[in-house]
Amino acid sequence: MLPVLALLSLLIGTGTSSPARAWAYLLGDPGARADAQLRLAVVDLRLPRTLAGVLVGACLGTAGCLLQAATRNPLAETGLLGVNSGAAFAVVVGLTFFGVGSPEGLLTWALLGGMAASAAVLLLAGAGRTAGSPLRLVLAGSALGATFHGLTSSVLLGTRSTFDTYRYWTIGSLAGATTDGLLPLLPPAGAGFLLALLTARPLSALALGDDSARSLGHRPGRTRLVTAAAVSLLAGCAVAVAGPIAFLGLLAPYAARALTGPRMSAQLLLSAVVGTDVMLAADVLARIVIRPWETPVSVLLAFVGGPLLVWIARSSRLSTAGAAP
């Protein structure tokens, strides 16, 4: 599905350039290649947006899979560690006090805010006798997320211009993505994917329970802290590109587990692919649902993710959807 959806993302848009003309451009038709407006649509707008969809979908899918495995909670998703709230607060600070207005500037501040929030969560969850436990991670993330949300609201109350820009960013969309803006995110995203691969084996042992994992030579607390660091890198990159995207980190791992079973390495790989598929499909639909305008991709994901979350919560298989309760 991934190549098909990527191709559709290049062919379909909200403008006047038809899919047939875009297809001719991709095939190298001289007449199509001479059309400056068509080149703008395909190369400058749709191609970076497609690449952004691949990056965001893979990051959120992998991060959701890691988080659900580490906490043994099939309802966990990437907003749990306060990354979204930290990124939102950093964007508001950049807009209000530093005059940030460019997409690249917003991306940088969002990434820094997400990483700072994640570092704070890791510091809080990594101290004491129960360092790195699922409960400490969740509580630290929830507490800091609420704190950042309150600080964001207090700043927004007094700055109308900031609120207008922030409102556009926080709806969650791939519109405005650029290739130059994506390049700085490749190193932190690559580091997140590498950490995810390194934690696959320890997380498989962790699914048997902390005591069993220790008997196999693993350290559950350290595994969860490394996992949280990987989630922070991946979710921070995704939020920086597209804003807060809900439910994708829940949908992709759930679909991957249904296909792969308990194999953690296969879950991680398929979660990244499914996340990318879902993100690209939602973005293509966002361009055509109310054409010539565009629907925020986060809205379409909420329509799917909300009912799915209710169904999972009511399912008798809840305790086995991710790992041992």
C-alpha atoms as a PDB file:
ATOM      1  CA  MET A   1       0.000   0.000   0.000  1.00  0.00           C
ATOM      2  CA  LEU A   2       2.837   2.400   0.752  1.00  0.00           C
ATOM      3  CA  PRO A   3       4.009   3.006  -2.857  1.00  0.00           C
ATOM      4  CA  VAL A   4       0.394   3.381  -4.036  1.00  0.00           C
ATOM      5  CA  LEU A   5      -0.456   5.929  -1.340  1.00  0.00           C
ATOM      6  CA  ALA A   6       2.773   7.846  -1.963  1.00  0.00           C
ATOM      7  CA  LEU A   7       1.905   8.021  -5.662  1.00  0.00           C
ATOM      8  CA  LEU A   8      -1.629   9.221  -4.890  1.00  0.00           C
ATOM      9  CA  SER A   9      -0.158  11.879  -2.632  1.00  0.00           C
ATOM     10  CA  LEU A  10       1.859  13.184  -5.574  1.00  0.00           C
ATOM     11  CA  LEU A  11      -1.069  13.058  -7.998  1.00  0.00           C
ATOM     12  CA  ILE A  12      -3.905  14.521  -5.906  1.00  0.00           C
ATOM     13  CA  GLY A  13      -4.168  18.049  -4.547  1.00  0.00           C
ATOM     14  CA  THR A  14      -6.587  20.846  -3.798  1.00  0.00           C
ATOM     15  CA  GLY A  15      -5.478  22.964  -6.789  1.00  0.00           C
ATOM     16  CA  THR A  16      -6.419  22.869 -10.446  1.00  0.00           C
ATOM     17  CA  SER A  17      -3.624  20.503 -11.527  1.00  0.00           C
ATOM     18  CA  SER A  18      -5.343  17.250 -12.468  1.00  0.00           C
ATOM     19  CA  PRO A  19      -4.009  13.797 -11.532  1.00  0.00           C
ATOM     20  CA  ALA A  20      -3.580  13.045 -15.254  1.00  0.00           C
ATOM     21  CA  ARG A  21      -1.336  16.081 -15.728  1.00  0.00           C
ATOM     22  CA  ALA A  22       0.644  15.220 -12.599  1.00  0.00           C
ATOM     23  CA  TRP A  23       1.068  11.655 -13.869  1.00  0.00           C
ATOM     24  CA  ALA A  24       2.352  12.987 -17.194  1.00  0.00           C
ATOM     25  CA  TYR A  25       4.838  15.160 -15.303  1.00  0.00           C
ATOM     26  CA  LEU A  26       6.125  12.173 -13.332  1.00  0.00           C
ATOM     27  CA  LEU A  27       6.533  10.198 -16.569  1.00  0.00           C
ATOM     28  CA  GLY A  28       8.656  12.999 -18.030  1.00  0.00           C
ATOM     29  CA  ASP A  29       6.228  14.365 -20.644  1.00  0.00           C
ATOM     30  CA  PRO A  30       7.921  17.472 -22.170  1.00  0.00           C
ATOM     31  CA  GLY A  31       4.726  19.496 -22.242  1.00  0.00           C
ATOM     32  CA  ALA A  32       3.981  18.751 -18.613  1.00  0.00           C
ATOM     33  CA  ARG A  33       7.575  19.437 -17.554  1.00  0.00           C
ATOM     34  CA  ALA A  34       7.353  22.865 -19.192  1.00  0.00           C
ATOM     35  CA  ASP A  35       4.334  23.830 -17.055  1.00  0.00           C
ATOM     36  CA  ALA A  36       5.702  25.946 -14.182  1.00  0.00           C
ATOM     37  CA  GLN A  37       2.442  25.749 -12.212  1.00  0.00           C
ATOM     38  CA  LEU A  38       2.408  21.961 -12.464  1.00  0.00           C
ATOM     39  CA  ARG A  39       6.023  21.782 -11.307  1.00  0.00           C
ATOM     40  CA  LEU A  40       5.154  23.980  -8.348  1.00  0.00           C
ATOM     41  CA  ALA A  41       2.281  21.695  -7.393  1.00  0.00           C
ATOM     42  CA  VAL A  42       4.101  18.373  -7.761  1.00  0.00           C
ATOM     43  CA  VAL A  43       7.702  19.146  -6.813  1.00  0.00           C
ATOM     44  CA  ASP A  44       7.481  22.103  -4.445  1.00  0.00           C
ATOM     45  CA  LEU A  45       4.217  21.302  -2.641  1.00  0.00           C
ATOM     46  CA  ARG A  46       3.203  17.653  -2.910  1.00  0.00           C
ATOM     47  CA  LEU A  47       6.620  15.975  -2.832  1.00  0.00           C
ATOM     48  CA  PRO A  48       7.763  17.588   0.466  1.00  0.00           C
ATOM     49  CA  ARG A  49       4.325  16.911   1.895  1.00  0.00           C
ATOM     50  CA  THR A  50       4.561  13.241   0.933  1.00  0.00           C
ATOM     51  CA  LEU A  51       8.006  12.949   2.499  1.00  0.00           C
ATOM     52  CA  ALA A  52       6.685  14.641   5.633  1.00  0.00           C
ATOM     53  CA  GLY A  53       3.821  12.144   5.775  1.00  0.00           C
ATOM     54  CA  VAL A  54       6.280   9.259   5.580  1.00  0.00           C
ATOM     55  CA  LEU A  55       8.434  10.717   8.359  1.00  0.00           C
ATOM     56  CA  VAL A  56       5.548  11.631  10.660  1.00  0.00           C
ATOM     57  CA  GLY A  57       3.696   8.353  10.142  1.00  0.00           C
ATOM     58  CA  ALA A  58       6.779   6.208  10.731  1.00  0.00           C
ATOM     59  CA  CYS A  59       7.789   8.220  13.807  1.00  0.00           C
ATOM     60  CA  LEU A  60       4.372   8.128  15.456  1.00  0.00           C
ATOM     61  CA  GLY A  61       3.734   4.481  14.575  1.00  0.00           C
ATOM     62  CA  THR A  62       7.067   3.363  16.014  1.00  0.00           C
ATOM     63  CA  ALA A  63       6.783   5.608  19.060  1.00  0.00           C
ATOM     64  CA  GLY A  64       3.298   4.314  19.851  1.00  0.00           C
ATOM     65  CA  CYS A  65       4.464   0.711  19.582  1.00  0.00           C
ATOM     66  CA  LEU A  66       7.397   1.373  21.915  1.00  0.00           C
ATOM     67  CA  LEU A  67       5.275   3.175  24.465  1.00  0.00           C
ATOM     68  CA  GLN A  68       2.579   0.521  24.574  1.00  0.00           C
ATOM     69  CA  ALA A  69       5.167  -2.225  24.964  1.00  0.00           C
ATOM     70  CA  ALA A  70       7.108  -0.414  27.687  1.00  0.00           C
ATOM     71  CA  THR A  71       4.027   0.409  29.759  1.00  0.00           C
ATOM     72  CA  ARG A  72       2.178  -2.814  28.858  1.00  0.00           C
ATOM     73  CA  ASN A  73      -0.826  -0.610  28.147  1.00  0.00           C
ATOM     74  CA  PRO A  74      -2.528  -1.010  24.728  1.00  0.00           C
ATOM     75  CA  LEU A  75      -4.220   2.378  25.137  1.00  0.00           C
ATOM     76  CA  ALA A  76      -0.977   4.342  25.574  1.00  0.00           C
ATOM     77  CA  GLU A  77      -0.116   6.850  22.865  1.00  0.00           C
ATOM     78  CA  THR A  78       2.583   9.409  22.231  1.00  0.00           C
ATOM     79  CA  GLY A  79       0.982  12.340  24.042  1.00  0.00           C
ATOM     80  CA  LEU A  80       1.414  10.418  27.294  1.00  0.00           C
ATOM     81  CA  LEU A  81       4.966  11.659  27.956  1.00  0.00           C
ATOM     82  CA  GLY A  82       4.129  15.354  27.625  1.00  0.00           C
ATOM     83  CA  VAL A  83       5.913  15.762  24.287  1.00  0.00           C
ATOM     84  CA  ASN A  84       2.951  17.443  22.579  1.00  0.00           C
ATOM     85  CA  SER A  85       2.368  19.864  25.452  1.00  0.00           C
ATOM     86  CA  GLY A  86       6.050  20.752  25.702  1.00  0.00           C
ATOM     87  CA  ALA A  87       6.277  21.400  21.976  1.00  0.00           C
ATOM     88  CA  ALA A  88       3.134  23.554  22.053  1.00  0.00           C
ATOM     89  CA  PHE A  89       4.469  25.645  24.941  1.00  0.00           C
ATOM     90  CA  ALA A  90       7.798  26.161  23.172  1.00  0.00           C
ATOM     91  CA  VAL A  91       6.010  27.301  19.993  1.00  0.00           C
ATOM     92  CA  VAL A  92       3.983  29.836  21.970  1.00  0.00           C
ATOM     93  CA  VAL A  93       7.118  31.146  23.712  1.00  0.00           C
ATOM     94  CA  GLY A  94       8.914  31.490  20.371  1.00  0.00           C
ATOM     95  CA  LEU A  95       5.970  33.311  18.808  1.00  0.00           C
ATOM     96  CA  THR A  96       5.361  35.653  21.735  1.00  0.00           C
ATOM     97  CA  PHE A  97       8.787  36.565  23.066  1.00  0.00           C
ATOM     98  CA  PHE A  98      11.199  35.879  20.190  1.00  0.00           C
ATOM     99  CA  GLY A  99       9.168  36.882  17.143  1.00  0.00           C
ATOM    100  CA  VAL A 100       9.415  33.508  15.435  1.00  0.00           C
ATOM    101  CA  GLY A 101       7.233  33.444  12.336  1.00  0.00           C
ATOM    102  CA  SER A 102       8.771  31.179   9.717  1.00  0.00           C
ATOM    103  CA  PRO A 103       7.799  27.519   9.361  1.00  0.00           C
ATOM    104  CA  GLU A 104      11.426  26.521   9.960  1.00  0.00           C
ATOM    105  CA  GLY A 105      11.484  28.569  13.158  1.00  0.00           C
ATOM    106  CA  LEU A 106       8.281  26.980  14.444  1.00  0.00           C
ATOM    107  CA  LEU A 107       9.675  23.554  13.602  1.00  0.00           C
ATOM    108  CA  THR A 108      12.878  24.228  15.551  1.00  0.00           C
ATOM    109  CA  TRP A 109      11.063  25.532  18.616  1.00  0.00           C
ATOM    110  CA  ALA A 110       8.602  22.652  18.572  1.00  0.00           C
ATOM    111  CA  LEU A 111      11.410  20.099  18.422  1.00  0.00           C
ATOM    112  CA  LEU A 112      13.339  21.786  21.236  1.00  0.00           C
ATOM    113  CA  GLY A 113      10.217  22.019  23.381  1.00  0.00           C
ATOM    114  CA  GLY A 114       9.326  18.382  22.857  1.00  0.00           C
ATOM    115  CA  MET A 115      12.844  17.274  23.701  1.00  0.00           C
ATOM    116  CA  ALA A 116      12.992  19.471  26.811  1.00  0.00           C
ATOM    117  CA  ALA A 117       9.683  18.087  28.060  1.00  0.00           C
ATOM    118  CA  SER A 118      10.873  14.555  27.453  1.00  0.00           C
ATOM    119  CA  ALA A 119      14.125  15.177  29.294  1.00  0.00           C
ATOM    120  CA  ALA A 120      12.186  16.509  32.275  1.00  0.00           C
ATOM    121  CA  VAL A 121       9.949  13.422  32.284  1.00  0.00           C
ATOM    122  CA  LEU A 122      12.970  11.126  32.165  1.00  0.00           C
ATOM    123  CA  LEU A 123      14.606  12.967  35.071  1.00  0.00           C
ATOM    124  CA  LEU A 124      11.451  12.724  37.183  1.00  0.00           C
ATOM    125  CA  ALA A 125      10.808   9.090  36.305  1.00  0.00           C
ATOM    126  CA  GLY A 126      14.443   8.055  36.682  1.00  0.00           C
ATOM    127  CA  ALA A 127      14.902   8.926  40.333  1.00  0.00           C
ATOM    128  CA  GLY A 128      14.123   6.836  43.387  1.00  0.00           C
ATOM    129  CA  ARG A 129      13.663   3.166  44.094  1.00  0.00           C
ATOM    130  CA  THR A 130      11.022   2.655  41.399  1.00  0.00           C
ATOM    131  CA  ALA A 131      13.034   4.382  38.659  1.00  0.00           C
ATOM    132  CA  GLY A 132      11.659   3.896  35.172  1.00  0.00           C
ATOM    133  CA  SER A 133       8.459   2.123  36.220  1.00  0.00           C
ATOM    134  CA  PRO A 134       5.422   2.503  33.940  1.00  0.00           C
ATOM    135  CA  LEU A 135       3.482   4.337  36.646  1.00  0.00           C
ATOM    136  CA  ARG A 136       6.249   6.882  37.196  1.00  0.00           C
ATOM    137  CA  LEU A 137       6.583   7.547  33.467  1.00  0.00           C
ATOM    138  CA  VAL A 138       2.844   8.044  33.046  1.00  0.00           C
ATOM    139  CA  LEU A 139       2.476  10.221  36.137  1.00  0.00           C
ATOM    140  CA  ALA A 140       5.481  12.375  35.266  1.00  0.00           C
ATOM    141  CA  GLY A 141       4.285  12.814  31.689  1.00  0.00           C
ATOM    142  CA  SER A 142       0.726  13.641  32.742  1.00  0.00           C
ATOM    143  CA  ALA A 143       1.857  16.129  35.383  1.00  0.00           C
ATOM    144  CA  LEU A 144       4.251  17.962  33.093  1.00  0.00           C
ATOM    145  CA  GLY A 145       1.752  17.869  30.241  1.00  0.00           C
ATOM    146  CA  ALA A 146      -0.870  19.567  32.422  1.00  0.00           C
ATOM    147  CA  THR A 147       1.699  22.112  33.595  1.00  0.00           C
ATOM    148  CA  PHE A 148       2.775  23.002  30.067  1.00  0.00           C
ATOM    149  CA  HIS A 149      -0.855  23.220  28.961  1.00  0.00           C
ATOM    150  CA  GLY A 150      -1.602  25.706  31.737  1.00  0.00           C
ATOM    151  CA  LEU A 151       1.460  27.801  30.914  1.00  0.00           C
ATOM    152  CA  THR A 152       0.510  27.806  27.241  1.00  0.00           C
ATOM    153  CA  SER A 153      -3.007  28.997  28.017  1.00  0.00           C
ATOM    154  CA  SER A 154      -1.737  31.776  30.300  1.00  0.00           C
ATOM    155  CA  VAL A 155       0.569  33.137  27.598  1.00  0.00           C
ATOM    156  CA  LEU A 156      -2.080  32.905  24.872  1.00  0.00           C
ATOM    157  CA  LEU A 157      -4.652  34.858  26.891  1.00  0.00           C
ATOM    158  CA  GLY A 158      -2.734  38.104  26.475  1.00  0.00           C
ATOM    159  CA  THR A 159      -1.520  37.803  22.869  1.00  0.00           C
ATOM    160  CA  ARG A 160      -4.136  37.597  20.141  1.00  0.00           C
ATOM    161  CA  SER A 161      -1.629  37.515  17.267  1.00  0.00           C
ATOM    162  CA  THR A 162       0.192  34.589  18.853  1.00  0.00           C
ATOM    163  CA  PHE A 163      -3.075  32.756  19.312  1.00  0.00           C
ATOM    164  CA  ASP A 164      -3.946  33.081  15.614  1.00  0.00           C
ATOM    165  CA  THR A 165      -0.635  31.537  14.500  1.00  0.00           C
ATOM    166  CA  TYR A 166      -0.680  28.907  17.232  1.00  0.00           C
ATOM    167  CA  ARG A 167      -4.227  27.896  16.321  1.00  0.00           C
ATOM    168  CA  TYR A 168      -3.126  27.122  12.762  1.00  0.00           C
ATOM    169  CA  TRP A 169      -0.145  25.066  13.968  1.00  0.00           C
ATOM    170  CA  THR A 170      -1.968  23.108  16.631  1.00  0.00           C
ATOM    171  CA  ILE A 171      -4.737  21.744  14.374  1.00  0.00           C
ATOM    172  CA  GLY A 172      -2.297  19.154  13.006  1.00  0.00           C
ATOM    173  CA  SER A 173      -1.552  19.249   9.285  1.00  0.00           C
ATOM    174  CA  LEU A 174       1.177  18.484   6.753  1.00  0.00           C
ATOM    175  CA  ALA A 175       0.446  21.647   4.763  1.00  0.00           C
ATOM    176  CA  GLY A 176       3.460  23.893   4.507  1.00  0.00           C
ATOM    177  CA  ALA A 177       6.055  21.129   4.891  1.00  0.00           C
ATOM    178  CA  THR A 178       9.312  21.800   3.033  1.00  0.00           C
ATOM    179  CA  THR A 179      12.254  19.606   2.147  1.00  0.00           C
ATOM    180  CA  ASP A 180      14.677  22.041   3.786  1.00  0.00           C
ATOM    181  CA  GLY A 181      12.622  21.927   6.959  1.00  0.00           C
ATOM    182  CA  LEU A 182      12.711  18.133   7.066  1.00  0.00           C
ATOM    183  CA  LEU A 183      16.470  17.726   6.675  1.00  0.00           C
ATOM    184  CA  PRO A 184      17.414  18.916  10.210  1.00  0.00           C
ATOM    185  CA  LEU A 185      15.017  16.330  11.662  1.00  0.00           C
ATOM    186  CA  LEU A 186      16.660  13.328  10.028  1.00  0.00           C
ATOM    187  CA  PRO A 187      19.459  12.928  12.633  1.00  0.00           C
ATOM    188  CA  PRO A 188      17.187  12.938  15.715  1.00  0.00           C
ATOM    189  CA  ALA A 189      14.636  10.745  13.941  1.00  0.00           C
ATOM    190  CA  GLY A 190      17.381   8.328  12.897  1.00  0.00           C
ATOM    191  CA  ALA A 191      18.617   8.189  16.486  1.00  0.00           C
ATOM    192  CA  GLY A 192      15.087   7.425  17.654  1.00  0.00           C
ATOM    193  CA  PHE A 193      14.694   4.572  15.172  1.00  0.00           C
ATOM    194  CA  LEU A 194      18.095   3.159  16.183  1.00  0.00           C
ATOM    195  CA  LEU A 195      17.144   3.185  19.861  1.00  0.00           C
ATOM    196  CA  ALA A 196      13.852   1.511  18.944  1.00  0.00           C
ATOM    197  CA  LEU A 197      15.705  -1.345  17.252  1.00  0.00           C
ATOM    198  CA  LEU A 198      18.075  -1.703  20.199  1.00  0.00           C
ATOM    199  CA  THR A 199      15.179  -2.005  22.651  1.00  0.00           C
ATOM    200  CA  ALA A 200      13.241  -4.625  20.662  1.00  0.00           C
ATOM    201  CA  ARG A 201      14.803  -7.592  22.458  1.00  0.00           C
ATOM    202  CA  PRO A 202      14.565  -6.161  26.007  1.00  0.00           C
ATOM    203  CA  LEU A 203      10.944  -5.140  25.398  1.00  0.00           C
ATOM    204  CA  SER A 204      10.121  -8.672  24.268  1.00  0.00           C
ATOM    205  CA  ALA A 205      11.441  -9.931  27.607  1.00  0.00           C
ATOM    206  CA  LEU A 206       9.589  -7.158  29.422  1.00  0.00           C
ATOM    207  CA  ALA A 207       6.289  -8.460  28.037  1.00  0.00           C
ATOM    208  CA  LEU A 208       6.754 -11.527  30.256  1.00  0.00           C
ATOM    209  CA  GLY A 209       6.848  -9.351  33.366  1.00  0.00           C
ATOM    210  CA  ASP A 210       9.580  -7.472  35.193  1.00  0.00           C
ATOM    211  CA  ASP A 211      10.690 -10.469  37.248  1.00  0.00           C
ATOM    212  CA  SER A 212      11.001 -12.681  34.181  1.00  0.00           C
ATOM    213  CA  ALA A 213      12.905  -9.946  32.344  1.00  0.00           C
ATOM    214  CA  ARG A 214      15.373  -9.648  35.218  1.00  0.00           C
ATOM    215  CA  SER A 215      15.880 -13.403  35.254  1.00  0.00           C
ATOM    216  CA  LEU A 216      16.822 -13.184  31.565  1.00  0.00           C
ATOM    217  CA  GLY A 217      19.461 -10.553  32.309  1.00  0.00           C
ATOM    218  CA  HIS A 218      17.550  -7.383  31.411  1.00  0.00           C
ATOM    219  CA  ARG A 219      16.962  -4.262  33.512  1.00  0.00           C
ATOM    220  CA  PRO A 220      13.307  -3.156  33.214  1.00  0.00           C
ATOM    221  CA  GLY A 221      13.879   0.353  34.569  1.00  0.00           C
ATOM    222  CA  ARG A 222      16.735   1.116  32.218  1.00  0.00           C
ATOM    223  CA  THR A 223      14.836  -0.417  29.303  1.00  0.00           C
ATOM    224  CA  ARG A 224      11.863   1.854  29.920  1.00  0.00           C
ATOM    225  CA  LEU A 225      14.052   4.941  30.221  1.00  0.00           C
ATOM    226  CA  VAL A 226      15.808   4.171  26.919  1.00  0.00           C
ATOM    227  CA  THR A 227      12.412   3.498  25.356  1.00  0.00           C
ATOM    228  CA  ALA A 228      11.112   6.815  26.646  1.00  0.00           C
ATOM    229  CA  ALA A 229      14.119   8.561  25.114  1.00  0.00           C
ATOM    230  CA  ALA A 230      13.381   6.922  21.750  1.00  0.00           C
ATOM    231  CA  VAL A 231       9.706   7.884  22.002  1.00  0.00           C
ATOM    232  CA  SER A 232      10.702  11.452  22.826  1.00  0.00           C
ATOM    233  CA  LEU A 233      12.954  11.755  19.786  1.00  0.00           C
ATOM    234  CA  LEU A 234      10.400  10.253  17.415  1.00  0.00           C
ATOM    235  CA  ALA A 235       7.359  12.075  18.774  1.00  0.00           C
ATOM    236  CA  GLY A 236       9.275  15.359  18.977  1.00  0.00           C
ATOM    237  CA  CYS A 237      10.186  15.158  15.294  1.00  0.00           C
ATOM    238  CA  ALA A 238       6.605  14.302  14.328  1.00  0.00           C
ATOM    239  CA  VAL A 239       5.110  17.148  16.364  1.00  0.00           C
ATOM    240  CA  ALA A 240       7.643  19.588  14.955  1.00  0.00           C
ATOM    241  CA  VAL A 241       6.570  18.760  11.386  1.00  0.00           C
ATOM    242  CA  ALA A 242       2.800  18.327  11.669  1.00  0.00           C
ATOM    243  CA  GLY A 243       1.763  19.653  15.066  1.00  0.00           C
ATOM    244  CA  PRO A 244      -0.015  17.461  17.605  1.00  0.00           C
ATOM    245  CA  ILE A 245      -1.442  14.405  15.807  1.00  0.00           C
ATOM    246  CA  ALA A 246      -3.649  12.282  18.033  1.00  0.00           C
ATOM    247  CA  PHE A 247      -4.625   8.612  17.701  1.00  0.00           C
ATOM    248  CA  LEU A 248      -2.046   7.617  15.064  1.00  0.00           C
ATOM    249  CA  GLY A 249       0.256   6.305  17.783  1.00  0.00           C
ATOM    250  CA  LEU A 250      -2.660   4.166  18.952  1.00  0.00           C
ATOM    251  CA  LEU A 251      -3.935   2.956  15.580  1.00  0.00           C
ATOM    252  CA  ALA A 252      -0.690   1.791  13.999  1.00  0.00           C
ATOM    253  CA  PRO A 253       0.571  -0.492  16.816  1.00  0.00           C
ATOM    254  CA  TYR A 254      -2.852  -2.030  17.289  1.00  0.00           C
ATOM    255  CA  ALA A 255      -3.072  -2.954  13.590  1.00  0.00           C
ATOM    256  CA  ALA A 256       0.520  -4.212  13.603  1.00  0.00           C
ATOM    257  CA  ARG A 257      -0.097  -6.513  16.595  1.00  0.00           C
ATOM    258  CA  ALA A 258      -3.151  -7.971  14.877  1.00  0.00           C
ATOM    259  CA  LEU A 259      -0.929  -9.031  11.964  1.00  0.00           C
ATOM    260  CA  THR A 260       2.374  -9.968  13.616  1.00  0.00           C
ATOM    261  CA  GLY A 261       1.437 -11.313  17.030  1.00  0.00           C
ATOM    262  CA  PRO A 262       3.849 -10.854  19.952  1.00  0.00           C
ATOM    263  CA  ARG A 263       7.097 -10.525  17.946  1.00  0.00           C
ATOM    264  CA  MET A 264       8.440  -7.126  18.991  1.00  0.00           C
ATOM    265  CA  SER A 265      10.816  -6.498  16.095  1.00  0.00           C
ATOM    266  CA  ALA A 266       8.049  -7.279  13.590  1.00  0.00           C
ATOM    267  CA  GLN A 267       5.648  -5.049  15.512  1.00  0.00           C
ATOM    268  CA  LEU A 268       8.060  -2.113  15.349  1.00  0.00           C
ATOM    269  CA  LEU A 269       8.650  -2.493  11.616  1.00  0.00           C
ATOM    270  CA  LEU A 270       5.006  -2.932  10.718  1.00  0.00           C
ATOM    271  CA  SER A 271       3.891  -0.139  13.071  1.00  0.00           C
ATOM    272  CA  ALA A 272       6.147   2.252  11.145  1.00  0.00           C
ATOM    273  CA  VAL A 273       4.730   1.086   7.793  1.00  0.00           C
ATOM    274  CA  VAL A 274       1.100   1.148   8.960  1.00  0.00           C
ATOM    275  CA  GLY A 275       1.610   4.568  10.531  1.00  0.00           C
ATOM    276  CA  THR A 276       2.956   5.866   7.238  1.00  0.00           C
ATOM    277  CA  ASP A 277       0.072   4.322   5.286  1.00  0.00           C
ATOM    278  CA  VAL A 278      -2.551   5.790   7.594  1.00  0.00           C
ATOM    279  CA  MET A 279      -0.904   9.217   7.575  1.00  0.00           C
ATOM    280  CA  LEU A 280      -0.643   9.378   3.792  1.00  0.00           C
ATOM    281  CA  ALA A 281      -4.203   8.107   3.308  1.00  0.00           C
ATOM    282  CA  ALA A 282      -5.582  10.672   5.781  1.00  0.00           C
ATOM    283  CA  ASP A 283      -3.595  13.465   4.125  1.00  0.00           C
ATOM    284  CA  VAL A 284      -4.865  12.565   0.649  1.00  0.00           C
ATOM    285  CA  LEU A 285      -8.446  12.499   1.935  1.00  0.00           C
ATOM    286  CA  ALA A 286      -7.878  15.828   3.678  1.00  0.00           C
ATOM    287  CA  ARG A 287      -7.262  17.440   0.291  1.00  0.00           C
ATOM    288  CA  ILE A 288     -10.452  16.218  -1.388  1.00  0.00           C
ATOM    289  CA  VAL A 289     -13.147  15.991   1.308  1.00  0.00           C
ATOM    290  CA  ILE A 290     -14.139  19.661   1.092  1.00  0.00           C
ATOM    291  CA  ARG A 291     -12.263  20.716  -2.052  1.00  0.00           C
ATOM    292  CA  PRO A 292     -11.133  23.385  -2.887  1.00  0.00           C
ATOM    293  CA  TRP A 293     -10.428  23.814   0.815  1.00  0.00           C
ATOM    294  CA  GLU A 294      -8.533  21.415   3.024  1.00  0.00           C
ATOM    295  CA  THR A 295      -9.502  19.469   6.137  1.00  0.00           C
ATOM    296  CA  PRO A 296      -6.888  19.185   8.919  1.00  0.00           C
ATOM    297  CA  VAL A 297      -5.496  15.666   8.852  1.00  0.00           C
ATOM    298  CA  SER A 298      -5.833  15.426  12.632  1.00  0.00           C
ATOM    299  CA  VAL A 299      -9.608  15.800  12.275  1.00  0.00           C
ATOM    300  CA  LEU A 300      -9.847  12.814   9.931  1.00  0.00           C
ATOM    301  CA  LEU A 301      -7.683  10.708  12.237  1.00  0.00           C
ATOM    302  CA  ALA A 302      -9.889  11.659  15.180  1.00  0.00           C
ATOM    303  CA  PHE A 303     -12.973  10.417  13.342  1.00  0.00           C
ATOM    304  CA  VAL A 304     -11.313   7.011  13.004  1.00  0.00           C
ATOM    305  CA  GLY A 305      -9.306   6.939  16.217  1.00  0.00           C
ATOM    306  CA  GLY A 306     -12.067   7.989  18.594  1.00  0.00           C
ATOM    307  CA  PRO A 307     -14.467   5.126  17.815  1.00  0.00           C
ATOM    308  CA  LEU A 308     -11.569   2.674  17.701  1.00  0.00           C
ATOM    309  CA  LEU A 309     -10.426   3.765  21.152  1.00  0.00           C
ATOM    310  CA  VAL A 310     -13.929   3.183  22.514  1.00  0.00           C
ATOM    311  CA  TRP A 311     -14.071  -0.245  20.870  1.00  0.00           C
ATOM    312  CA  ILE A 312     -10.686  -1.252  22.273  1.00  0.00           C
ATOM    313  CA  ALA A 313     -11.641  -0.059  25.746  1.00  0.00           C
ATOM    314  CA  ARG A 314     -14.831  -2.140  25.661  1.00  0.00           C
ATOM    315  CA  SER A 315     -13.216  -5.197  24.114  1.00  0.00           C
ATOM    316  CA  SER A 316     -12.899  -8.327  26.229  1.00  0.00           C
ATOM    317  CA  ARG A 317      -9.434  -8.753  24.685  1.00  0.00           C
ATOM    318  CA  LEU A 318      -8.134  -5.508  26.188  1.00  0.00           C
ATOM    319  CA  SER A 319      -5.738  -7.265  28.525  1.00  0.00           C
ATOM    320  CA  THR A 320      -4.138  -9.160  25.660  1.00  0.00           C
ATOM    321  CA  ALA A 321      -4.149  -6.405  23.040  1.00  0.00           C
ATOM    322  CA  GLY A 322      -0.657  -5.317  23.909  1.00  0.00           C
ATOM    323  CA  ALA A 323       0.990  -7.417  26.575  1.00  0.00           C
ATOM    324  CA  ALA A 324       0.394  -8.821  29.986  1.00  0.00           C
ATOM    325  CA  PRO A 325      -1.656  -6.510  32.207  1.00  0.00           C
END
